[in-house]
Amino acid sequence: MGKVRPEETAMSLISCPECSNQVSTQAWSCPKCGAPIAARNSPPLISPDGKRPVTVEQTSKSIKLGILLCSVAFWIGLITAFSADTPQQSQGAMFLMVIGAIGYVVLKIARWWVNG
């Protein structure tokens, strides 16, 4: 039975980037919010063919939820615009579409910015 190197057993606590909960550096994810932790602290993963590194995208849940809500707002606005009976309903639907589209683009840029 061989000795275990100290760097393999060393464990410290770090703050979760999502909820600021104290999490072990060896944890795969935060036990409170589920944000990935281990991928930030581990060496790059190598693909099965061994030729290229595997990229792990770590997008926060709030950005994903925002993208989903903006998409839903856009589609509800689009459907409502085609079924509107009055100009006020049509204007409201167009406003919802514009807000949904702008929010979607902004959050996609934020997602790109966070993940590099």
PDB file of N, CA and C in Angstrom:
ATOM      1  N   MET A   1       0.841  -1.169   0.000  1.00  0.00           N
ATOM      2  CA  MET A   1       0.000   0.000   0.000  1.00  0.00           C
ATOM      3  C   MET A   1       0.888   1.236   0.000  1.00  0.00           C
ATOM      4  N   GLY A   2       0.735   2.107  -0.996  1.00  0.00           N
ATOM      5  CA  GLY A   2       1.578   3.283  -1.125  1.00  0.00           C
ATOM      6  C   GLY A   2       1.024   4.450  -0.343  1.00  0.00           C
ATOM      7  N   LYS A   3       1.882   5.407  -0.116  1.00  0.00           N
ATOM      8  CA  LYS A   3       1.469   6.613   0.597  1.00  0.00           C
ATOM      9  C   LYS A   3       0.721   7.536  -0.351  1.00  0.00           C
ATOM     10  N   VAL A   4      -0.191   8.285   0.201  1.00  0.00           N
ATOM     11  CA  VAL A   4      -0.942   9.272  -0.573  1.00  0.00           C
ATOM     12  C   VAL A   4      -0.212  10.596  -0.467  1.00  0.00           C
ATOM     13  N   ARG A   5      -0.024  11.233  -1.610  1.00  0.00           N
ATOM     14  CA  ARG A   5       0.655  12.527  -1.611  1.00  0.00           C
ATOM     15  C   ARG A   5      -0.224  13.573  -0.944  1.00  0.00           C
ATOM     16  N   PRO A   6       0.377  14.512  -0.199  1.00  0.00           N
ATOM     17  CA  PRO A   6      -0.409  15.534   0.503  1.00  0.00           C
ATOM     18  C   PRO A   6      -1.301  16.355  -0.424  1.00  0.00           C
ATOM     19  N   GLU A   7      -0.821  16.659  -1.641  1.00  0.00           N
ATOM     20  CA  GLU A   7      -1.638  17.485  -2.533  1.00  0.00           C
ATOM     21  C   GLU A   7      -2.884  16.756  -3.009  1.00  0.00           C
ATOM     22  N   GLU A   8      -2.911  15.414  -2.918  1.00  0.00           N
ATOM     23  CA  GLU A   8      -4.096  14.670  -3.328  1.00  0.00           C
ATOM     24  C   GLU A   8      -5.159  14.686  -2.247  1.00  0.00           C
ATOM     25  N   THR A   9      -4.759  14.833  -0.970  1.00  0.00           N
ATOM     26  CA  THR A   9      -5.723  14.815   0.113  1.00  0.00           C
ATOM     27  C   THR A   9      -6.033  16.201   0.642  1.00  0.00           C
ATOM     28  N   ALA A  10      -5.254  17.204   0.262  1.00  0.00           N
ATOM     29  CA  ALA A  10      -5.483  18.555   0.763  1.00  0.00           C
ATOM     30  C   ALA A  10      -6.841  19.053   0.293  1.00  0.00           C
ATOM     31  N   MET A  11      -7.589  19.591   1.231  1.00  0.00           N
ATOM     32  CA  MET A  11      -8.916  20.077   0.901  1.00  0.00           C
ATOM     33  C   MET A  11      -9.106  21.400   1.631  1.00  0.00           C
ATOM     34  N   SER A  12      -9.608  22.364   0.936  1.00  0.00           N
ATOM     35  CA  SER A  12      -9.887  23.640   1.571  1.00  0.00           C
ATOM     36  C   SER A  12     -11.280  24.089   1.164  1.00  0.00           C
ATOM     37  N   LEU A  13     -11.752  25.119   1.825  1.00  0.00           N
ATOM     38  CA  LEU A  13     -13.077  25.648   1.524  1.00  0.00           C
ATOM     39  C   LEU A  13     -12.946  26.925   0.713  1.00  0.00           C
ATOM     40  N   ILE A  14     -13.828  27.045  -0.268  1.00  0.00           N
ATOM     41  CA  ILE A  14     -13.906  28.252  -1.085  1.00  0.00           C
ATOM     42  C   ILE A  14     -15.354  28.719  -1.094  1.00  0.00           C
ATOM     43  N   SER A  15     -15.571  29.932  -1.511  1.00  0.00           N
ATOM     44  CA  SER A  15     -16.937  30.443  -1.627  1.00  0.00           C
ATOM     45  C   SER A  15     -17.512  30.041  -2.977  1.00  0.00           C
ATOM     46  N   CYS A  16     -18.747  29.596  -2.960  1.00  0.00           N
ATOM     47  CA  CYS A  16     -19.444  29.269  -4.208  1.00  0.00           C
ATOM     48  C   CYS A  16     -19.641  30.563  -4.990  1.00  0.00           C
ATOM     49  N   PRO A  17     -19.351  30.571  -6.304  1.00  0.00           N
ATOM     50  CA  PRO A  17     -19.511  31.797  -7.092  1.00  0.00           C
ATOM     51  C   PRO A  17     -20.969  32.213  -7.274  1.00  0.00           C
ATOM     52  N   GLU A  18     -21.903  31.297  -7.065  1.00  0.00           N
ATOM     53  CA  GLU A  18     -23.319  31.608  -7.248  1.00  0.00           C
ATOM     54  C   GLU A  18     -23.982  32.107  -5.965  1.00  0.00           C
ATOM     55  N   CYS A  19     -23.771  31.382  -4.839  1.00  0.00           N
ATOM     56  CA  CYS A  19     -24.518  31.694  -3.616  1.00  0.00           C
ATOM     57  C   CYS A  19     -23.629  32.075  -2.435  1.00  0.00           C
ATOM     58  N   SER A  20     -22.308  32.052  -2.606  1.00  0.00           N
ATOM     59  CA  SER A  20     -21.328  32.397  -1.574  1.00  0.00           C
ATOM     60  C   SER A  20     -21.294  31.425  -0.404  1.00  0.00           C
ATOM     61  N   ASN A  21     -21.882  30.243  -0.567  1.00  0.00           N
ATOM     62  CA  ASN A  21     -21.831  29.198   0.447  1.00  0.00           C
ATOM     63  C   ASN A  21     -20.419  28.618   0.487  1.00  0.00           C
ATOM     64  N   GLN A  22     -19.932  28.203   1.663  1.00  0.00           N
ATOM     65  CA  GLN A  22     -18.614  27.586   1.779  1.00  0.00           C
ATOM     66  C   GLN A  22     -18.677  26.164   1.217  1.00  0.00           C
ATOM     67  N   VAL A  23     -17.788  25.849   0.255  1.00  0.00           N
ATOM     68  CA  VAL A  23     -17.792  24.568  -0.436  1.00  0.00           C
ATOM     69  C   VAL A  23     -16.363  24.036  -0.501  1.00  0.00           C
ATOM     70  N   SER A  24     -16.217  22.724  -0.405  1.00  0.00           N
ATOM     71  CA  SER A  24     -14.904  22.102  -0.528  1.00  0.00           C
ATOM     72  C   SER A  24     -14.378  22.263  -1.949  1.00  0.00           C
ATOM     73  N   THR A  25     -13.060  22.406  -2.079  1.00  0.00           N
ATOM     74  CA  THR A  25     -12.466  22.508  -3.415  1.00  0.00           C
ATOM     75  C   THR A  25     -12.554  21.188  -4.168  1.00  0.00           C
ATOM     76  N   GLN A  26     -12.827  20.103  -3.454  1.00  0.00           N
ATOM     77  CA  GLN A  26     -12.938  18.801  -4.105  1.00  0.00           C
ATOM     78  C   GLN A  26     -14.377  18.439  -4.460  1.00  0.00           C
ATOM     79  N   ALA A  27     -15.331  19.291  -4.113  1.00  0.00           N
ATOM     80  CA  ALA A  27     -16.738  19.036  -4.422  1.00  0.00           C
ATOM     81  C   ALA A  27     -16.990  19.251  -5.911  1.00  0.00           C
ATOM     82  N   TRP A  28     -17.882  18.459  -6.469  1.00  0.00           N
ATOM     83  CA  TRP A  28     -18.240  18.607  -7.878  1.00  0.00           C
ATOM     84  C   TRP A  28     -19.150  19.803  -8.075  1.00  0.00           C
ATOM     85  N   SER A  29     -20.035  20.017  -7.075  1.00  0.00           N
ATOM     86  CA  SER A  29     -20.958  21.132  -7.176  1.00  0.00           C
ATOM     87  C   SER A  29     -21.311  21.618  -5.779  1.00  0.00           C
ATOM     88  N   CYS A  30     -21.886  22.802  -5.721  1.00  0.00           N
ATOM     89  CA  CYS A  30     -22.295  23.384  -4.448  1.00  0.00           C
ATOM     90  C   CYS A  30     -23.510  22.614  -3.923  1.00  0.00           C
ATOM     91  N   PRO A  31     -23.483  22.166  -2.663  1.00  0.00           N
ATOM     92  CA  PRO A  31     -24.636  21.433  -2.138  1.00  0.00           C
ATOM     93  C   PRO A  31     -25.868  22.307  -1.946  1.00  0.00           C
ATOM     94  N   LYS A  32     -25.685  23.628  -1.872  1.00  0.00           N
ATOM     95  CA  LYS A  32     -26.813  24.525  -1.653  1.00  0.00           C
ATOM     96  C   LYS A  32     -27.519  24.893  -2.958  1.00  0.00           C
ATOM     97  N   CYS A  33     -26.739  25.318  -3.980  1.00  0.00           N
ATOM     98  CA  CYS A  33     -27.372  25.804  -5.219  1.00  0.00           C
ATOM     99  C   CYS A  33     -27.092  24.935  -6.447  1.00  0.00           C
ATOM    100  N   GLY A  34     -26.124  24.007  -6.343  1.00  0.00           N
ATOM    101  CA  GLY A  34     -25.835  23.112  -7.461  1.00  0.00           C
ATOM    102  C   GLY A  34     -24.860  23.654  -8.488  1.00  0.00           C
ATOM    103  N   ALA A  35     -24.284  24.817  -8.245  1.00  0.00           N
ATOM    104  CA  ALA A  35     -23.323  25.389  -9.202  1.00  0.00           C
ATOM    105  C   ALA A  35     -22.082  24.501  -9.294  1.00  0.00           C
ATOM    106  N   PRO A  36     -21.538  24.295 -10.485  1.00  0.00           N
ATOM    107  CA  PRO A  36     -20.347  23.448 -10.617  1.00  0.00           C
ATOM    108  C   PRO A  36     -19.146  24.063  -9.917  1.00  0.00           C
ATOM    109  N   ILE A  37     -18.389  23.242  -9.202  1.00  0.00           N
ATOM    110  CA  ILE A  37     -17.225  23.707  -8.451  1.00  0.00           C
ATOM    111  C   ILE A  37     -15.959  23.025  -8.940  1.00  0.00           C
ATOM    112  N   ALA A  38     -15.982  21.707  -9.083  1.00  0.00           N
ATOM    113  CA  ALA A  38     -14.772  20.936  -9.367  1.00  0.00           C
ATOM    114  C   ALA A  38     -14.145  21.313 -10.697  1.00  0.00           C
ATOM    115  N   ALA A  39     -14.947  21.649 -11.687  1.00  0.00           N
ATOM    116  CA  ALA A  39     -14.395  21.964 -13.003  1.00  0.00           C
ATOM    117  C   ALA A  39     -13.512  23.208 -12.952  1.00  0.00           C
ATOM    118  N   ARG A  40     -13.765  24.097 -12.016  1.00  0.00           N
ATOM    119  CA  ARG A  40     -12.962  25.314 -11.892  1.00  0.00           C
ATOM    120  C   ARG A  40     -11.584  25.007 -11.318  1.00  0.00           C
ATOM    121  N   ASN A  41     -11.490  23.945 -10.514  1.00  0.00           N
ATOM    122  CA  ASN A  41     -10.263  23.657  -9.784  1.00  0.00           C
ATOM    123  C   ASN A  41      -9.485  22.474 -10.340  1.00  0.00           C
ATOM    124  N   SER A  42     -10.035  21.784 -11.296  1.00  0.00           N
ATOM    125  CA  SER A  42      -9.383  20.584 -11.813  1.00  0.00           C
ATOM    126  C   SER A  42      -8.635  20.896 -13.112  1.00  0.00           C
ATOM    127  N   PRO A  43      -7.685  20.041 -13.479  1.00  0.00           N
ATOM    128  CA  PRO A  43      -6.993  20.246 -14.752  1.00  0.00           C
ATOM    129  C   PRO A  43      -7.961  20.058 -15.913  1.00  0.00           C
ATOM    130  N   PRO A  44      -7.636  20.542 -17.090  1.00  0.00           N
ATOM    131  CA  PRO A  44      -8.542  20.418 -18.228  1.00  0.00           C
ATOM    132  C   PRO A  44      -8.841  18.957 -18.553  1.00  0.00           C
ATOM    133  N   LEU A  45     -10.094  18.706 -18.913  1.00  0.00           N
ATOM    134  CA  LEU A  45     -10.492  17.371 -19.319  1.00  0.00           C
ATOM    135  C   LEU A  45     -10.020  17.119 -20.744  1.00  0.00           C
ATOM    136  N   ILE A  46      -9.645  15.900 -21.036  1.00  0.00           N
ATOM    137  CA  ILE A  46      -9.186  15.534 -22.371  1.00  0.00           C
ATOM    138  C   ILE A  46     -10.252  14.635 -23.010  1.00  0.00           C
ATOM    139  N   SER A  47     -10.513  14.869 -24.281  1.00  0.00           N
ATOM    140  CA  SER A  47     -11.517  14.091 -25.004  1.00  0.00           C
ATOM    141  C   SER A  47     -11.102  12.619 -25.066  1.00  0.00           C
ATOM    142  N   PRO A  48     -12.053  11.728 -25.344  1.00  0.00           N
ATOM    143  CA  PRO A  48     -11.733  10.303 -25.409  1.00  0.00           C
ATOM    144  C   PRO A  48     -10.627   9.967 -26.412  1.00  0.00           C
ATOM    145  N   ASP A  49     -10.523  10.748 -27.486  1.00  0.00           N
ATOM    146  CA  ASP A  49      -9.461  10.459 -28.456  1.00  0.00           C
ATOM    147  C   ASP A  49      -8.110  11.012 -27.992  1.00  0.00           C
ATOM    148  N   GLY A  50      -8.096  11.797 -26.908  1.00  0.00           N
ATOM    149  CA  GLY A  50      -6.865  12.301 -26.318  1.00  0.00           C
ATOM    150  C   GLY A  50      -6.199  13.425 -27.084  1.00  0.00           C
ATOM    151  N   LYS A  51      -6.878  14.009 -28.057  1.00  0.00           N
ATOM    152  CA  LYS A  51      -6.252  15.019 -28.904  1.00  0.00           C
ATOM    153  C   LYS A  51      -6.619  16.459 -28.549  1.00  0.00           C
ATOM    154  N   ARG A  52      -7.766  16.655 -27.956  1.00  0.00           N
ATOM    155  CA  ARG A  52      -8.188  18.036 -27.687  1.00  0.00           C
ATOM    156  C   ARG A  52      -8.830  18.124 -26.303  1.00  0.00           C
ATOM    157  N   PRO A  53      -8.736  19.288 -25.672  1.00  0.00           N
ATOM    158  CA  PRO A  53      -9.370  19.461 -24.365  1.00  0.00           C
ATOM    159  C   PRO A  53     -10.886  19.571 -24.506  1.00  0.00           C
ATOM    160  N   VAL A  54     -11.582  19.167 -23.495  1.00  0.00           N
ATOM    161  CA  VAL A  54     -13.032  19.254 -23.461  1.00  0.00           C
ATOM    162  C   VAL A  54     -13.404  20.529 -22.719  1.00  0.00           C
ATOM    163  N   THR A  55     -14.291  21.312 -23.282  1.00  0.00           N
ATOM    164  CA  THR A  55     -14.721  22.551 -22.660  1.00  0.00           C
ATOM    165  C   THR A  55     -15.971  22.292 -21.835  1.00  0.00           C
ATOM    166  N   VAL A  56     -15.958  22.765 -20.602  1.00  0.00           N
ATOM    167  CA  VAL A  56     -17.119  22.652 -19.728  1.00  0.00           C
ATOM    168  C   VAL A  56     -17.700  24.048 -19.565  1.00  0.00           C
ATOM    169  N   GLU A  57     -18.917  24.238 -20.052  1.00  0.00           N
ATOM    170  CA  GLU A  57     -19.558  25.539 -19.971  1.00  0.00           C
ATOM    171  C   GLU A  57     -20.217  25.678 -18.615  1.00  0.00           C
ATOM    172  N   GLN A  58     -19.943  26.773 -17.932  1.00  0.00           N
ATOM    173  CA  GLN A  58     -20.459  26.979 -16.589  1.00  0.00           C
ATOM    174  C   GLN A  58     -21.320  28.237 -16.555  1.00  0.00           C
ATOM    175  N   THR A  59     -22.488  28.153 -17.124  1.00  0.00           N
ATOM    176  CA  THR A  59     -23.397  29.284 -17.151  1.00  0.00           C
ATOM    177  C   THR A  59     -24.273  29.241 -15.913  1.00  0.00           C
ATOM    178  N   SER A  60     -24.440  30.377 -15.257  1.00  0.00           N
ATOM    179  CA  SER A  60     -25.241  30.406 -14.040  1.00  0.00           C
ATOM    180  C   SER A  60     -26.716  30.155 -14.359  1.00  0.00           C
ATOM    181  N   LYS A  61     -27.407  29.667 -13.347  1.00  0.00           N
ATOM    182  CA  LYS A  61     -28.825  29.372 -13.518  1.00  0.00           C
ATOM    183  C   LYS A  61     -29.633  30.632 -13.767  1.00  0.00           C
ATOM    184  N   SER A  62     -29.202  31.753 -13.197  1.00  0.00           N
ATOM    185  CA  SER A  62     -29.957  32.992 -13.387  1.00  0.00           C
ATOM    186  C   SER A  62     -29.908  33.447 -14.848  1.00  0.00           C
ATOM    187  N   ILE A  63     -28.774  33.276 -15.510  1.00  0.00           N
ATOM    188  CA  ILE A  63     -28.687  33.647 -16.927  1.00  0.00           C
ATOM    189  C   ILE A  63     -29.552  32.709 -17.765  1.00  0.00           C
ATOM    190  N   LYS A  64     -29.511  31.415 -17.468  1.00  0.00           N
ATOM    191  CA  LYS A  64     -30.340  30.463 -18.210  1.00  0.00           C
ATOM    192  C   LYS A  64     -31.821  30.764 -18.018  1.00  0.00           C
ATOM    193  N   LEU A  65     -32.222  31.083 -16.786  1.00  0.00           N
ATOM    194  CA  LEU A  65     -33.617  31.415 -16.515  1.00  0.00           C
ATOM    195  C   LEU A  65     -34.020  32.693 -17.246  1.00  0.00           C
ATOM    196  N   GLY A  66     -33.154  33.681 -17.258  1.00  0.00           N
ATOM    197  CA  GLY A  66     -33.438  34.925 -17.972  1.00  0.00           C
ATOM    198  C   GLY A  66     -33.622  34.705 -19.466  1.00  0.00           C
ATOM    199  N   ILE A  67     -32.760  33.871 -20.050  1.00  0.00           N
ATOM    200  CA  ILE A  67     -32.884  33.555 -21.481  1.00  0.00           C
ATOM    201  C   ILE A  67     -34.219  32.876 -21.761  1.00  0.00           C
ATOM    202  N   LEU A  68     -34.597  31.950 -20.884  1.00  0.00           N
ATOM    203  CA  LEU A  68     -35.875  31.250 -21.052  1.00  0.00           C
ATOM    204  C   LEU A  68     -37.042  32.227 -20.950  1.00  0.00           C
ATOM    205  N   LEU A  69     -37.031  33.098 -19.942  1.00  0.00           N
ATOM    206  CA  LEU A  69     -38.134  34.038 -19.759  1.00  0.00           C
ATOM    207  C   LEU A  69     -38.222  35.046 -20.903  1.00  0.00           C
ATOM    208  N   CYS A  70     -37.097  35.516 -21.396  1.00  0.00           N
ATOM    209  CA  CYS A  70     -37.109  36.447 -22.536  1.00  0.00           C
ATOM    210  C   CYS A  70     -37.636  35.769 -23.795  1.00  0.00           C
ATOM    211  N   SER A  71     -37.272  34.519 -23.978  1.00  0.00           N
ATOM    212  CA  SER A  71     -37.788  33.771 -25.130  1.00  0.00           C
ATOM    213  C   SER A  71     -39.298  33.613 -25.033  1.00  0.00           C
ATOM    214  N   VAL A  72     -39.789  33.275 -23.853  1.00  0.00           N
ATOM    215  CA  VAL A  72     -41.233  33.114 -23.658  1.00  0.00           C
ATOM    216  C   VAL A  72     -41.940  34.454 -23.891  1.00  0.00           C
ATOM    217  N   ALA A  73     -41.376  35.544 -23.372  1.00  0.00           N
ATOM    218  CA  ALA A  73     -41.979  36.871 -23.573  1.00  0.00           C
ATOM    219  C   ALA A  73     -42.051  37.217 -25.059  1.00  0.00           C
ATOM    220  N   PHE A  74     -40.980  36.928 -25.793  1.00  0.00           N
ATOM    221  CA  PHE A  74     -40.977  37.217 -27.228  1.00  0.00           C
ATOM    222  C   PHE A  74     -42.080  36.437 -27.948  1.00  0.00           C
ATOM    223  N   TRP A  75     -42.173  35.147 -27.671  1.00  0.00           N
ATOM    224  CA  TRP A  75     -43.165  34.320 -28.376  1.00  0.00           C
ATOM    225  C   TRP A  75     -44.596  34.670 -27.976  1.00  0.00           C
ATOM    226  N   ILE A  76     -44.820  34.995 -26.710  1.00  0.00           N
ATOM    227  CA  ILE A  76     -46.163  35.429 -26.303  1.00  0.00           C
ATOM    228  C   ILE A  76     -46.511  36.740 -27.004  1.00  0.00           C
ATOM    229  N   GLY A  77     -45.550  37.656 -27.081  1.00  0.00           N
ATOM    230  CA  GLY A  77     -45.792  38.913 -27.791  1.00  0.00           C
ATOM    231  C   GLY A  77     -46.086  38.694 -29.264  1.00  0.00           C
ATOM    232  N   LEU A  78     -45.360  37.778 -29.885  1.00  0.00           N
ATOM    233  CA  LEU A  78     -45.574  37.499 -31.311  1.00  0.00           C
ATOM    234  C   LEU A  78     -46.960  36.910 -31.553  1.00  0.00           C
ATOM    235  N   ILE A  79     -47.330  35.949 -30.739  1.00  0.00           N
ATOM    236  CA  ILE A  79     -48.658  35.316 -30.900  1.00  0.00           C
ATOM    237  C   ILE A  79     -49.758  36.331 -30.625  1.00  0.00           C
ATOM    238  N   THR A  80     -49.590  37.143 -29.601  1.00  0.00           N
ATOM    239  CA  THR A  80     -50.594  38.150 -29.259  1.00  0.00           C
ATOM    240  C   THR A  80     -50.690  39.221 -30.345  1.00  0.00           C
ATOM    241  N   ALA A  81     -49.577  39.570 -30.973  1.00  0.00           N
ATOM    242  CA  ALA A  81     -49.599  40.593 -32.029  1.00  0.00           C
ATOM    243  C   ALA A  81     -50.452  40.155 -33.207  1.00  0.00           C
ATOM    244  N   PHE A  82     -50.425  38.867 -33.522  1.00  0.00           N
ATOM    245  CA  PHE A  82     -51.209  38.386 -34.658  1.00  0.00           C
ATOM    246  C   PHE A  82     -52.679  38.184 -34.313  1.00  0.00           C
ATOM    247  N   SER A  83     -52.980  38.057 -33.022  1.00  0.00           N
ATOM    248  CA  SER A  83     -54.380  37.844 -32.640  1.00  0.00           C
ATOM    249  C   SER A  83     -54.988  39.066 -31.966  1.00  0.00           C
ATOM    250  N   ALA A  84     -54.312  40.207 -32.013  1.00  0.00           N
ATOM    251  CA  ALA A  84     -54.799  41.421 -31.354  1.00  0.00           C
ATOM    252  C   ALA A  84     -56.003  41.986 -32.096  1.00  0.00           C
ATOM    253  N   ASP A  85     -56.981  42.443 -31.303  1.00  0.00           N
ATOM    254  CA  ASP A  85     -58.195  43.029 -31.879  1.00  0.00           C
ATOM    255  C   ASP A  85     -58.127  44.558 -31.933  1.00  0.00           C
ATOM    256  N   THR A  86     -57.385  45.144 -31.020  1.00  0.00           N
ATOM    257  CA  THR A  86     -57.320  46.606 -30.952  1.00  0.00           C
ATOM    258  C   THR A  86     -55.869  47.063 -31.132  1.00  0.00           C
ATOM    259  N   PRO A  87     -55.673  48.325 -31.488  1.00  0.00           N
ATOM    260  CA  PRO A  87     -54.311  48.850 -31.614  1.00  0.00           C
ATOM    261  C   PRO A  87     -53.544  48.825 -30.292  1.00  0.00           C
ATOM    262  N   GLN A  88     -54.252  49.010 -29.169  1.00  0.00           N
ATOM    263  CA  GLN A  88     -53.588  48.968 -27.868  1.00  0.00           C
ATOM    264  C   GLN A  88     -53.029  47.575 -27.586  1.00  0.00           C
ATOM    265  N   GLN A  89     -53.781  46.539 -27.918  1.00  0.00           N
ATOM    266  CA  GLN A  89     -53.295  45.168 -27.733  1.00  0.00           C
ATOM    267  C   GLN A  89     -52.096  44.909 -28.637  1.00  0.00           C
ATOM    268  N   SER A  90     -52.173  45.423 -29.843  1.00  0.00           N
ATOM    269  CA  SER A  90     -51.072  45.244 -30.785  1.00  0.00           C
ATOM    270  C   SER A  90     -49.807  45.955 -30.296  1.00  0.00           C
ATOM    271  N   GLN A  91     -49.958  47.161 -29.762  1.00  0.00           N
ATOM    272  CA  GLN A  91     -48.807  47.895 -29.236  1.00  0.00           C
ATOM    273  C   GLN A  91     -48.207  47.182 -28.027  1.00  0.00           C
ATOM    274  N   GLY A  92     -49.051  46.669 -27.153  1.00  0.00           N
ATOM    275  CA  GLY A  92     -48.573  45.921 -25.990  1.00  0.00           C
ATOM    276  C   GLY A  92     -47.820  44.671 -26.398  1.00  0.00           C
ATOM    277  N   ALA A  93     -48.327  44.001 -27.413  1.00  0.00           N
ATOM    278  CA  ALA A  93     -47.667  42.791 -27.907  1.00  0.00           C
ATOM    279  C   ALA A  93     -46.319  43.127 -28.534  1.00  0.00           C
ATOM    280  N   MET A  94     -46.264  44.223 -29.281  1.00  0.00           N
ATOM    281  CA  MET A  94     -44.994  44.624 -29.886  1.00  0.00           C
ATOM    282  C   MET A  94     -43.974  45.005 -28.811  1.00  0.00           C
ATOM    283  N   PHE A  95     -44.450  45.687 -27.753  1.00  0.00           N
ATOM    284  CA  PHE A  95     -43.571  46.043 -26.644  1.00  0.00           C
ATOM    285  C   PHE A  95     -43.005  44.774 -25.989  1.00  0.00           C
ATOM    286  N   LEU A  96     -43.847  43.788 -25.767  1.00  0.00           N
ATOM    287  CA  LEU A  96     -43.408  42.522 -25.175  1.00  0.00           C
ATOM    288  C   LEU A  96     -42.395  41.815 -26.076  1.00  0.00           C
ATOM    289  N   MET A  97     -42.630  41.847 -27.380  1.00  0.00           N
ATOM    290  CA  MET A  97     -41.682  41.237 -28.324  1.00  0.00           C
ATOM    291  C   MET A  97     -40.331  41.935 -28.271  1.00  0.00           C
ATOM    292  N   VAL A  98     -40.328  43.258 -28.263  1.00  0.00           N
ATOM    293  CA  VAL A  98     -39.080  44.021 -28.257  1.00  0.00           C
ATOM    294  C   VAL A  98     -38.313  43.775 -26.965  1.00  0.00           C
ATOM    295  N   ILE A  99     -39.016  43.829 -25.824  1.00  0.00           N
ATOM    296  CA  ILE A  99     -38.358  43.579 -24.541  1.00  0.00           C
ATOM    297  C   ILE A  99     -37.783  42.159 -24.501  1.00  0.00           C
ATOM    298  N   GLY A 100     -38.546  41.191 -24.975  1.00  0.00           N
ATOM    299  CA  GLY A 100     -38.068  39.806 -25.009  1.00  0.00           C
ATOM    300  C   GLY A 100     -36.846  39.640 -25.902  1.00  0.00           C
ATOM    301  N   ALA A 101     -36.865  40.271 -27.074  1.00  0.00           N
ATOM    302  CA  ALA A 101     -35.740  40.152 -28.008  1.00  0.00           C
ATOM    303  C   ALA A 101     -34.491  40.836 -27.467  1.00  0.00           C
ATOM    304  N   ILE A 102     -34.643  42.034 -26.914  1.00  0.00           N
ATOM    305  CA  ILE A 102     -33.491  42.749 -26.362  1.00  0.00           C
ATOM    306  C   ILE A 102     -32.910  41.988 -25.174  1.00  0.00           C
ATOM    307  N   GLY A 103     -33.784  41.539 -24.286  1.00  0.00           N
ATOM    308  CA  GLY A 103     -33.317  40.765 -23.134  1.00  0.00           C
ATOM    309  C   GLY A 103     -32.593  39.505 -23.543  1.00  0.00           C
ATOM    310  N   TYR A 104     -33.118  38.820 -24.566  1.00  0.00           N
ATOM    311  CA  TYR A 104     -32.497  37.589 -25.057  1.00  0.00           C
ATOM    312  C   TYR A 104     -31.085  37.870 -25.581  1.00  0.00           C
ATOM    313  N   VAL A 105     -30.939  38.917 -26.377  1.00  0.00           N
ATOM    314  CA  VAL A 105     -29.629  39.257 -26.942  1.00  0.00           C
ATOM    315  C   VAL A 105     -28.651  39.658 -25.834  1.00  0.00           C
ATOM    316  N   VAL A 106     -29.110  40.480 -24.894  1.00  0.00           N
ATOM    317  CA  VAL A 106     -28.243  40.918 -23.791  1.00  0.00           C
ATOM    318  C   VAL A 106     -27.787  39.718 -22.965  1.00  0.00           C
ATOM    319  N   LEU A 107     -28.693  38.808 -22.656  1.00  0.00           N
ATOM    320  CA  LEU A 107     -28.327  37.638 -21.849  1.00  0.00           C
ATOM    321  C   LEU A 107     -27.442  36.656 -22.617  1.00  0.00           C
ATOM    322  N   LYS A 108     -27.616  36.553 -23.913  1.00  0.00           N
ATOM    323  CA  LYS A 108     -26.710  35.718 -24.711  1.00  0.00           C
ATOM    324  C   LYS A 108     -25.300  36.299 -24.694  1.00  0.00           C
ATOM    325  N   ILE A 109     -25.198  37.626 -24.771  1.00  0.00           N
ATOM    326  CA  ILE A 109     -23.883  38.276 -24.677  1.00  0.00           C
ATOM    327  C   ILE A 109     -23.296  38.052 -23.293  1.00  0.00           C
ATOM    328  N   ALA A 110     -24.113  38.158 -22.247  1.00  0.00           N
ATOM    329  CA  ALA A 110     -23.632  37.904 -20.878  1.00  0.00           C
ATOM    330  C   ALA A 110     -23.154  36.473 -20.737  1.00  0.00           C
ATOM    331  N   ARG A 111     -23.882  35.541 -21.330  1.00  0.00           N
ATOM    332  CA  ARG A 111     -23.477  34.132 -21.281  1.00  0.00           C
ATOM    333  C   ARG A 111     -22.139  33.940 -21.979  1.00  0.00           C
ATOM    334  N   TRP A 112     -21.966  34.571 -23.124  1.00  0.00           N
ATOM    335  CA  TRP A 112     -20.694  34.489 -23.847  1.00  0.00           C
ATOM    336  C   TRP A 112     -19.584  35.118 -23.027  1.00  0.00           C
ATOM    337  N   TRP A 113     -19.873  36.261 -22.398  1.00  0.00           N
ATOM    338  CA  TRP A 113     -18.875  36.979 -21.626  1.00  0.00           C
ATOM    339  C   TRP A 113     -18.416  36.135 -20.433  1.00  0.00           C
ATOM    340  N   VAL A 114     -19.341  35.497 -19.751  1.00  0.00           N
ATOM    341  CA  VAL A 114     -19.002  34.676 -18.573  1.00  0.00           C
ATOM    342  C   VAL A 114     -18.179  33.446 -18.972  1.00  0.00           C
ATOM    343  N   ASN A 115     -18.544  32.837 -20.081  1.00  0.00           N
ATOM    344  CA  ASN A 115     -17.875  31.590 -20.485  1.00  0.00           C
ATOM    345  C   ASN A 115     -16.673  31.812 -21.392  1.00  0.00           C
ATOM    346  N   GLY A 116     -16.416  33.040 -21.749  1.00  0.00           N
ATOM    347  CA  GLY A 116     -15.235  33.344 -22.561  1.00  0.00           C
ATOM    348  C   GLY A 116     -15.425  32.961 -23.949  1.00  0.00           C
TER     349      GLY A 116
END
